[in-house]
Amino acid sequence: MQSIPISMQGFRRLERELDDLKKERPAVIQAIAEAREEGDLRENAGYDAARERQGMLEARIRYIEGRLATSQVIDLATLDGDRVTYGATVEIEDVETGETKTWTLLGPDENDPAKGSISLLSPVGQAMLGKEEGDEIVVDAPRGKIRYEIVSVRFLGVLP
């Protein structure tokens, strides 16, 4: 099974979420039991909602448990180098428009574009991996192929 890189902070966040979800289980089970006591389950919206919540809860628990089991925890403070890898903060410039963007490459469970991080598995992340300052990358986007130049590669040691 392939390991998935994750920061210590991201790993702890997933552990907390898993703990919260497991604590929610008894309340969902209780809601199902109460809805069953109301009688006819065919037209019982409360029962349907509680069962749906239980299904979503259990699916998320299984997902997080699987991720935690396959995660490779990486200390961002120990990373450095000239090439783009997990944890790198990369400034890129659109060759056509001159617009610049700065992204920190993280794992799929901790990326947040609104905070300046993207997944290393995203099209942009994949295109940047292994590149260094001055390299050009091409990304397939809905508007067509976009060419970027890598302006800088830094390792900040913290999450954005």
N, C-alpha and C. Protein backbone atom coordinates (compact mmCIF):
# COMPACT_ATOMS: atom_id res chain seq x y z
N MET A 1 0.84 -1.18 0.00
CA MET A 1 0.00 0.00 0.00
C MET A 1 0.89 1.25 0.00
N GLN A 2 0.57 2.22 -0.82
CA GLN A 2 1.37 3.43 -0.97
C GLN A 2 1.18 4.36 0.23
N SER A 3 2.30 4.86 0.77
CA SER A 3 2.20 5.78 1.89
C SER A 3 1.89 7.19 1.37
N ILE A 4 1.17 7.93 2.19
CA ILE A 4 0.74 9.28 1.84
C ILE A 4 1.42 10.25 2.78
N PRO A 5 2.19 11.23 2.25
CA PRO A 5 2.86 12.16 3.15
C PRO A 5 1.85 13.07 3.85
N ILE A 6 2.15 13.35 5.12
CA ILE A 6 1.32 14.25 5.92
C ILE A 6 2.20 14.89 6.98
N SER A 7 1.93 16.13 7.30
CA SER A 7 2.69 16.80 8.35
C SER A 7 2.22 16.30 9.71
N MET A 8 3.03 16.52 10.72
CA MET A 8 2.63 16.14 12.08
C MET A 8 1.35 16.87 12.47
N GLN A 9 1.24 18.14 12.09
CA GLN A 9 0.04 18.91 12.41
C GLN A 9 -1.19 18.32 11.71
N GLY A 10 -1.04 17.95 10.44
CA GLY A 10 -2.14 17.35 9.69
C GLY A 10 -2.54 15.99 10.27
N PHE A 11 -1.54 15.21 10.70
CA PHE A 11 -1.80 13.91 11.30
C PHE A 11 -2.58 14.07 12.60
N ARG A 12 -2.15 15.01 13.42
CA ARG A 12 -2.86 15.26 14.69
C ARG A 12 -4.29 15.76 14.46
N ARG A 13 -4.48 16.59 13.43
CA ARG A 13 -5.82 17.08 13.11
C ARG A 13 -6.73 15.91 12.73
N LEU A 14 -6.22 14.97 11.93
CA LEU A 14 -7.01 13.80 11.56
C LEU A 14 -7.31 12.93 12.78
N GLU A 15 -6.33 12.78 13.67
CA GLU A 15 -6.57 12.01 14.90
C GLU A 15 -7.68 12.65 15.74
N ARG A 16 -7.66 13.98 15.86
CA ARG A 16 -8.70 14.68 16.63
C ARG A 16 -10.07 14.51 15.99
N GLU A 17 -10.12 14.63 14.67
CA GLU A 17 -11.39 14.45 13.97
C GLU A 17 -11.92 13.03 14.17
N LEU A 18 -11.04 12.04 14.10
CA LEU A 18 -11.45 10.64 14.31
C LEU A 18 -12.00 10.46 15.71
N ASP A 19 -11.33 11.04 16.70
CA ASP A 19 -11.79 10.95 18.08
C ASP A 19 -13.18 11.60 18.24
N ASP A 20 -13.37 12.76 17.63
CA ASP A 20 -14.67 13.45 17.70
C ASP A 20 -15.77 12.62 17.05
N LEU A 21 -15.46 12.02 15.90
CA LEU A 21 -16.47 11.20 15.20
C LEU A 21 -16.86 9.98 16.03
N LYS A 22 -15.87 9.36 16.66
CA LYS A 22 -16.16 8.18 17.48
C LYS A 22 -16.99 8.56 18.71
N LYS A 23 -16.77 9.75 19.22
CA LYS A 23 -17.58 10.22 20.36
C LYS A 23 -19.02 10.53 19.94
N GLU A 24 -19.22 10.81 18.67
CA GLU A 24 -20.56 11.12 18.16
C GLU A 24 -21.39 9.86 17.94
N ARG A 25 -20.74 8.71 17.80
CA ARG A 25 -21.45 7.45 17.52
C ARG A 25 -22.62 7.19 18.46
N PRO A 26 -22.42 7.25 19.78
CA PRO A 26 -23.54 6.93 20.70
C PRO A 26 -24.77 7.81 20.48
N ALA A 27 -24.58 9.09 20.17
CA ALA A 27 -25.71 9.99 19.95
C ALA A 27 -26.48 9.58 18.69
N VAL A 28 -25.77 9.16 17.67
CA VAL A 28 -26.43 8.73 16.43
C VAL A 28 -27.18 7.43 16.66
N ILE A 29 -26.58 6.51 17.39
CA ILE A 29 -27.25 5.24 17.71
C ILE A 29 -28.51 5.51 18.53
N GLN A 30 -28.41 6.43 19.46
CA GLN A 30 -29.58 6.80 20.28
C GLN A 30 -30.68 7.41 19.42
N ALA A 31 -30.32 8.26 18.47
CA ALA A 31 -31.31 8.88 17.59
C ALA A 31 -32.02 7.82 16.75
N ILE A 32 -31.29 6.80 16.30
CA ILE A 32 -31.90 5.71 15.53
C ILE A 32 -32.87 4.94 16.41
N ALA A 33 -32.45 4.64 17.63
CA ALA A 33 -33.31 3.90 18.56
C ALA A 33 -34.60 4.67 18.86
N GLU A 34 -34.48 5.96 19.09
CA GLU A 34 -35.66 6.78 19.37
C GLU A 34 -36.59 6.84 18.17
N ALA A 35 -36.03 6.93 16.98
CA ALA A 35 -36.85 6.98 15.77
C ALA A 35 -37.56 5.64 15.54
N ARG A 36 -36.92 4.54 15.89
CA ARG A 36 -37.55 3.22 15.76
C ARG A 36 -38.77 3.09 16.67
N GLU A 37 -38.66 3.69 17.84
CA GLU A 37 -39.76 3.61 18.81
C GLU A 37 -41.01 4.35 18.33
N GLU A 38 -40.84 5.23 17.36
CA GLU A 38 -41.98 6.00 16.86
C GLU A 38 -42.89 5.16 15.97
N GLY A 39 -42.47 3.99 15.60
CA GLY A 39 -43.34 3.11 14.82
C GLY A 39 -42.89 2.95 13.38
N ASP A 40 -43.83 3.12 12.46
CA ASP A 40 -43.64 2.87 11.03
C ASP A 40 -42.38 3.57 10.50
N LEU A 41 -41.42 2.76 10.05
CA LEU A 41 -40.13 3.30 9.60
C LEU A 41 -40.16 3.75 8.14
N ARG A 42 -41.19 3.35 7.39
CA ARG A 42 -41.25 3.69 5.97
C ARG A 42 -41.40 5.19 5.74
N GLU A 43 -42.08 5.88 6.61
CA GLU A 43 -42.30 7.32 6.44
C GLU A 43 -41.77 8.11 7.63
N ASN A 44 -40.70 7.64 8.20
CA ASN A 44 -40.13 8.26 9.38
C ASN A 44 -38.88 9.05 8.98
N ALA A 45 -39.04 10.35 8.81
CA ALA A 45 -37.93 11.20 8.36
C ALA A 45 -36.79 11.23 9.38
N GLY A 46 -37.13 11.19 10.66
CA GLY A 46 -36.10 11.19 11.70
C GLY A 46 -35.23 9.95 11.63
N TYR A 47 -35.86 8.81 11.37
CA TYR A 47 -35.12 7.55 11.23
C TYR A 47 -34.21 7.62 10.00
N ASP A 48 -34.77 8.09 8.88
CA ASP A 48 -33.98 8.18 7.65
C ASP A 48 -32.78 9.10 7.83
N ALA A 49 -32.99 10.23 8.48
CA ALA A 49 -31.90 11.19 8.71
C ALA A 49 -30.83 10.60 9.62
N ALA A 50 -31.26 9.91 10.67
CA ALA A 50 -30.30 9.31 11.61
C ALA A 50 -29.50 8.20 10.94
N ARG A 51 -30.14 7.39 10.10
CA ARG A 51 -29.44 6.32 9.40
C ARG A 51 -28.45 6.91 8.37
N GLU A 52 -28.87 7.98 7.71
CA GLU A 52 -27.98 8.63 6.75
C GLU A 52 -26.76 9.21 7.48
N ARG A 53 -26.98 9.85 8.62
CA ARG A 53 -25.87 10.40 9.41
C ARG A 53 -24.95 9.28 9.87
N GLN A 54 -25.53 8.16 10.28
CA GLN A 54 -24.71 7.03 10.72
C GLN A 54 -23.84 6.52 9.57
N GLY A 55 -24.41 6.43 8.38
CA GLY A 55 -23.65 5.96 7.22
C GLY A 55 -22.49 6.90 6.89
N MET A 56 -22.78 8.19 6.92
CA MET A 56 -21.72 9.17 6.62
C MET A 56 -20.65 9.15 7.71
N LEU A 57 -21.07 9.02 8.95
CA LEU A 57 -20.15 8.99 10.08
C LEU A 57 -19.21 7.78 9.97
N GLU A 58 -19.79 6.61 9.72
CA GLU A 58 -18.97 5.39 9.63
C GLU A 58 -18.05 5.43 8.42
N ALA A 59 -18.51 5.99 7.32
CA ALA A 59 -17.65 6.10 6.13
C ALA A 59 -16.46 7.01 6.40
N ARG A 60 -16.70 8.13 7.07
CA ARG A 60 -15.61 9.06 7.38
C ARG A 60 -14.63 8.43 8.37
N ILE A 61 -15.15 7.69 9.35
CA ILE A 61 -14.28 7.01 10.31
C ILE A 61 -13.38 6.01 9.58
N ARG A 62 -13.95 5.20 8.69
CA ARG A 62 -13.15 4.23 7.93
C ARG A 62 -12.10 4.93 7.07
N TYR A 63 -12.50 6.04 6.44
CA TYR A 63 -11.57 6.79 5.60
C TYR A 63 -10.38 7.29 6.42
N ILE A 64 -10.67 7.93 7.54
CA ILE A 64 -9.59 8.50 8.37
C ILE A 64 -8.71 7.39 8.93
N GLU A 65 -9.30 6.29 9.40
CA GLU A 65 -8.49 5.18 9.91
C GLU A 65 -7.56 4.64 8.84
N GLY A 66 -8.05 4.55 7.61
CA GLY A 66 -7.21 4.10 6.50
C GLY A 66 -6.08 5.07 6.20
N ARG A 67 -6.40 6.35 6.22
CA ARG A 67 -5.38 7.39 5.96
C ARG A 67 -4.31 7.37 7.05
N LEU A 68 -4.73 7.29 8.30
CA LEU A 68 -3.76 7.28 9.39
C LEU A 68 -2.84 6.06 9.30
N ALA A 69 -3.40 4.94 8.87
CA ALA A 69 -2.61 3.71 8.76
C ALA A 69 -1.58 3.78 7.63
N THR A 70 -1.87 4.55 6.59
CA THR A 70 -0.96 4.62 5.44
C THR A 70 -0.18 5.92 5.36
N SER A 71 -0.31 6.77 6.37
CA SER A 71 0.37 8.06 6.36
C SER A 71 1.85 7.94 6.69
N GLN A 72 2.63 8.74 6.01
CA GLN A 72 4.05 8.90 6.32
C GLN A 72 4.18 10.29 6.94
N VAL A 73 4.35 10.35 8.25
CA VAL A 73 4.42 11.63 8.94
C VAL A 73 5.77 12.27 8.68
N ILE A 74 5.72 13.54 8.24
CA ILE A 74 6.94 14.27 7.89
C ILE A 74 7.00 15.54 8.72
N ASP A 75 8.16 15.77 9.32
CA ASP A 75 8.40 16.99 10.09
C ASP A 75 8.81 18.08 9.11
N LEU A 76 7.94 19.06 8.91
CA LEU A 76 8.20 20.12 7.93
C LEU A 76 9.48 20.90 8.25
N ALA A 77 9.85 20.96 9.52
CA ALA A 77 11.04 21.72 9.93
C ALA A 77 12.34 21.08 9.43
N THR A 78 12.30 19.82 9.03
CA THR A 78 13.51 19.14 8.60
C THR A 78 13.72 19.18 7.08
N LEU A 79 12.78 19.77 6.37
CA LEU A 79 12.84 19.76 4.90
C LEU A 79 13.63 20.95 4.37
N ASP A 80 14.40 20.71 3.31
CA ASP A 80 15.07 21.79 2.60
C ASP A 80 15.50 21.27 1.24
N GLY A 81 16.05 22.13 0.45
CA GLY A 81 16.53 21.72 -0.87
C GLY A 81 16.20 22.75 -1.92
N ASP A 82 16.62 22.43 -3.15
CA ASP A 82 16.40 23.33 -4.28
C ASP A 82 15.26 22.85 -5.18
N ARG A 83 14.84 21.62 -5.00
CA ARG A 83 13.80 21.04 -5.85
C ARG A 83 12.47 21.00 -5.12
N VAL A 84 11.39 21.05 -5.89
CA VAL A 84 10.04 21.02 -5.33
C VAL A 84 9.73 19.60 -4.87
N THR A 85 9.42 19.48 -3.58
CA THR A 85 8.97 18.22 -2.99
C THR A 85 7.84 18.55 -2.02
N TYR A 86 7.36 17.54 -1.34
CA TYR A 86 6.35 17.75 -0.31
C TYR A 86 6.86 18.80 0.68
N GLY A 87 6.01 19.74 1.06
CA GLY A 87 6.36 20.76 2.03
C GLY A 87 7.00 22.01 1.46
N ALA A 88 7.31 22.01 0.18
CA ALA A 88 7.94 23.18 -0.44
C ALA A 88 6.89 24.28 -0.66
N THR A 89 7.32 25.51 -0.45
CA THR A 89 6.50 26.68 -0.80
C THR A 89 7.08 27.22 -2.09
N VAL A 90 6.23 27.22 -3.13
CA VAL A 90 6.69 27.50 -4.48
C VAL A 90 5.96 28.72 -5.04
N GLU A 91 6.73 29.68 -5.54
CA GLU A 91 6.13 30.81 -6.23
C GLU A 91 6.23 30.52 -7.72
N ILE A 92 5.08 30.61 -8.40
CA ILE A 92 5.04 30.38 -9.84
C ILE A 92 4.48 31.62 -10.53
N GLU A 93 4.90 31.81 -11.78
CA GLU A 93 4.42 32.95 -12.57
C GLU A 93 3.84 32.43 -13.87
N ASP A 94 2.60 32.88 -14.17
CA ASP A 94 1.97 32.55 -15.44
C ASP A 94 2.78 33.25 -16.53
N VAL A 95 3.37 32.47 -17.44
CA VAL A 95 4.25 33.01 -18.48
C VAL A 95 3.51 33.99 -19.37
N GLU A 96 2.23 33.75 -19.63
CA GLU A 96 1.44 34.59 -20.54
C GLU A 96 0.98 35.88 -19.88
N THR A 97 0.47 35.79 -18.62
CA THR A 97 -0.13 36.97 -17.99
C THR A 97 0.79 37.66 -17.00
N GLY A 98 1.82 36.98 -16.53
CA GLY A 98 2.70 37.55 -15.51
C GLY A 98 2.15 37.44 -14.10
N GLU A 99 0.95 36.87 -13.96
CA GLU A 99 0.34 36.71 -12.63
C GLU A 99 1.15 35.68 -11.83
N THR A 100 1.40 36.01 -10.56
CA THR A 100 2.14 35.08 -9.71
C THR A 100 1.22 34.48 -8.65
N LYS A 101 1.56 33.28 -8.25
CA LYS A 101 0.85 32.56 -7.18
C LYS A 101 1.90 31.87 -6.34
N THR A 102 1.59 31.75 -5.05
CA THR A 102 2.48 31.03 -4.15
C THR A 102 1.69 29.91 -3.50
N TRP A 103 2.22 28.69 -3.63
CA TRP A 103 1.55 27.52 -3.08
C TRP A 103 2.53 26.72 -2.22
N THR A 104 2.01 26.14 -1.15
CA THR A 104 2.77 25.15 -0.38
C THR A 104 2.20 23.79 -0.74
N LEU A 105 3.09 22.87 -1.13
CA LEU A 105 2.68 21.54 -1.54
C LEU A 105 2.52 20.64 -0.32
N LEU A 106 1.28 20.17 -0.09
CA LEU A 106 0.99 19.28 1.03
C LEU A 106 0.26 18.04 0.55
N GLY A 107 -0.07 17.17 1.48
CA GLY A 107 -0.79 15.95 1.13
C GLY A 107 -2.25 16.23 0.84
N PRO A 108 -2.96 15.24 0.29
CA PRO A 108 -4.35 15.44 -0.10
C PRO A 108 -5.30 15.71 1.06
N ASP A 109 -4.92 15.36 2.28
CA ASP A 109 -5.81 15.57 3.43
C ASP A 109 -5.54 16.87 4.17
N GLU A 110 -4.57 17.64 3.73
CA GLU A 110 -4.27 18.87 4.45
C GLU A 110 -4.15 20.09 3.55
N ASN A 111 -4.45 19.94 2.27
CA ASN A 111 -4.38 21.10 1.38
C ASN A 111 -5.58 22.00 1.60
N ASP A 112 -5.36 23.30 1.42
CA ASP A 112 -6.41 24.30 1.58
C ASP A 112 -6.05 25.50 0.69
N PRO A 113 -6.54 25.50 -0.55
CA PRO A 113 -6.18 26.58 -1.48
C PRO A 113 -6.47 27.98 -0.92
N ALA A 114 -7.50 28.12 -0.11
CA ALA A 114 -7.81 29.43 0.46
C ALA A 114 -6.70 29.91 1.40
N LYS A 115 -5.94 28.98 1.97
CA LYS A 115 -4.84 29.33 2.86
C LYS A 115 -3.48 29.20 2.19
N GLY A 116 -3.47 28.91 0.88
CA GLY A 116 -2.21 28.89 0.15
C GLY A 116 -1.55 27.54 0.03
N SER A 117 -2.28 26.46 0.24
CA SER A 117 -1.68 25.14 0.07
C SER A 117 -2.50 24.31 -0.91
N ILE A 118 -1.79 23.50 -1.69
CA ILE A 118 -2.45 22.60 -2.63
C ILE A 118 -1.88 21.20 -2.46
N SER A 119 -2.60 20.24 -2.97
CA SER A 119 -2.17 18.85 -2.88
C SER A 119 -1.05 18.56 -3.88
N LEU A 120 -0.08 17.79 -3.43
CA LEU A 120 0.96 17.37 -4.36
C LEU A 120 0.39 16.44 -5.42
N LEU A 121 -0.84 15.94 -5.22
CA LEU A 121 -1.48 15.09 -6.22
C LEU A 121 -2.32 15.87 -7.22
N SER A 122 -2.48 17.19 -7.01
CA SER A 122 -3.24 18.02 -7.94
C SER A 122 -2.45 18.18 -9.25
N PRO A 123 -3.12 18.59 -10.33
CA PRO A 123 -2.38 18.79 -11.59
C PRO A 123 -1.21 19.77 -11.45
N VAL A 124 -1.41 20.88 -10.75
CA VAL A 124 -0.32 21.84 -10.56
C VAL A 124 0.77 21.23 -9.69
N GLY A 125 0.37 20.56 -8.62
CA GLY A 125 1.34 19.92 -7.73
C GLY A 125 2.17 18.87 -8.45
N GLN A 126 1.51 18.04 -9.24
CA GLN A 126 2.22 17.01 -9.99
C GLN A 126 3.21 17.62 -10.98
N ALA A 127 2.79 18.70 -11.64
CA ALA A 127 3.66 19.36 -12.63
C ALA A 127 4.89 19.97 -11.96
N MET A 128 4.74 20.44 -10.71
CA MET A 128 5.85 21.11 -10.03
C MET A 128 6.85 20.14 -9.40
N LEU A 129 6.42 18.94 -9.04
CA LEU A 129 7.29 18.00 -8.33
C LEU A 129 8.61 17.79 -9.08
N GLY A 130 9.70 17.92 -8.35
CA GLY A 130 11.03 17.68 -8.90
C GLY A 130 11.63 18.86 -9.65
N LYS A 131 10.88 19.91 -9.83
CA LYS A 131 11.37 21.07 -10.58
C LYS A 131 12.14 22.01 -9.64
N GLU A 132 12.85 22.96 -10.24
CA GLU A 132 13.60 23.94 -9.46
C GLU A 132 13.43 25.32 -10.07
N GLU A 133 13.95 26.34 -9.39
CA GLU A 133 13.82 27.73 -9.87
C GLU A 133 14.25 27.83 -11.32
N GLY A 134 13.43 28.56 -12.11
CA GLY A 134 13.74 28.76 -13.52
C GLY A 134 13.10 27.75 -14.45
N ASP A 135 12.68 26.60 -13.93
CA ASP A 135 12.03 25.58 -14.76
C ASP A 135 10.63 26.04 -15.16
N GLU A 136 10.19 25.58 -16.31
CA GLU A 136 8.83 25.84 -16.76
C GLU A 136 8.01 24.57 -16.63
N ILE A 137 6.74 24.75 -16.30
CA ILE A 137 5.80 23.63 -16.22
C ILE A 137 4.59 23.98 -17.08
N VAL A 138 3.90 22.96 -17.54
CA VAL A 138 2.67 23.14 -18.30
C VAL A 138 1.58 22.39 -17.58
N VAL A 139 0.47 23.08 -17.32
CA VAL A 139 -0.65 22.48 -16.59
C VAL A 139 -1.88 22.52 -17.48
N ASP A 140 -2.54 21.37 -17.61
CA ASP A 140 -3.81 21.32 -18.34
C ASP A 140 -4.90 21.85 -17.43
N ALA A 141 -5.58 22.89 -17.88
CA ALA A 141 -6.67 23.52 -17.12
C ALA A 141 -7.90 23.60 -18.01
N PRO A 142 -9.05 23.87 -17.41
CA PRO A 142 -10.27 23.99 -18.24
C PRO A 142 -10.13 25.02 -19.36
N ARG A 143 -9.36 26.07 -19.14
CA ARG A 143 -9.20 27.10 -20.18
C ARG A 143 -8.09 26.76 -21.18
N GLY A 144 -7.47 25.58 -21.00
CA GLY A 144 -6.40 25.15 -21.90
C GLY A 144 -5.10 24.95 -21.15
N LYS A 145 -4.03 24.81 -21.88
CA LYS A 145 -2.72 24.60 -21.26
C LYS A 145 -2.18 25.94 -20.74
N ILE A 146 -1.71 25.91 -19.50
CA ILE A 146 -1.14 27.11 -18.90
C ILE A 146 0.33 26.85 -18.61
N ARG A 147 1.18 27.75 -19.03
CA ARG A 147 2.62 27.63 -18.78
C ARG A 147 3.00 28.51 -17.61
N TYR A 148 3.71 27.93 -16.66
CA TYR A 148 4.20 28.65 -15.50
C TYR A 148 5.71 28.52 -15.44
N GLU A 149 6.34 29.54 -14.88
CA GLU A 149 7.76 29.45 -14.55
C GLU A 149 7.87 29.39 -13.04
N ILE A 150 8.76 28.54 -12.56
CA ILE A 150 9.00 28.45 -11.13
C ILE A 150 9.94 29.59 -10.75
N VAL A 151 9.42 30.52 -9.94
CA VAL A 151 10.18 31.70 -9.54
C VAL A 151 11.06 31.39 -8.34
N SER A 152 10.49 30.70 -7.33
CA SER A 152 11.29 30.36 -6.16
C SER A 152 10.77 29.10 -5.50
N VAL A 153 11.67 28.41 -4.81
CA VAL A 153 11.36 27.21 -4.03
C VAL A 153 11.95 27.42 -2.65
N ARG A 154 11.08 27.41 -1.63
CA ARG A 154 11.53 27.60 -0.24
C ARG A 154 10.90 26.54 0.64
N PHE A 155 11.52 26.30 1.75
CA PHE A 155 10.99 25.39 2.76
C PHE A 155 10.85 26.20 4.05
N LEU A 156 9.62 26.51 4.41
CA LEU A 156 9.35 27.39 5.56
C LEU A 156 9.30 26.63 6.88
N GLY A 157 9.06 25.32 6.82
CA GLY A 157 9.04 24.52 8.05
C GLY A 157 7.74 24.56 8.82
N VAL A 158 6.73 25.26 8.32
CA VAL A 158 5.43 25.35 9.00
C VAL A 158 4.31 25.28 7.95
N LEU A 159 3.11 24.98 8.41
CA LEU A 159 1.96 24.98 7.52
C LEU A 159 1.53 26.41 7.24
N PRO A 160 1.02 26.68 6.04
CA PRO A 160 0.54 28.03 5.73
C PRO A 160 -0.72 28.36 6.51
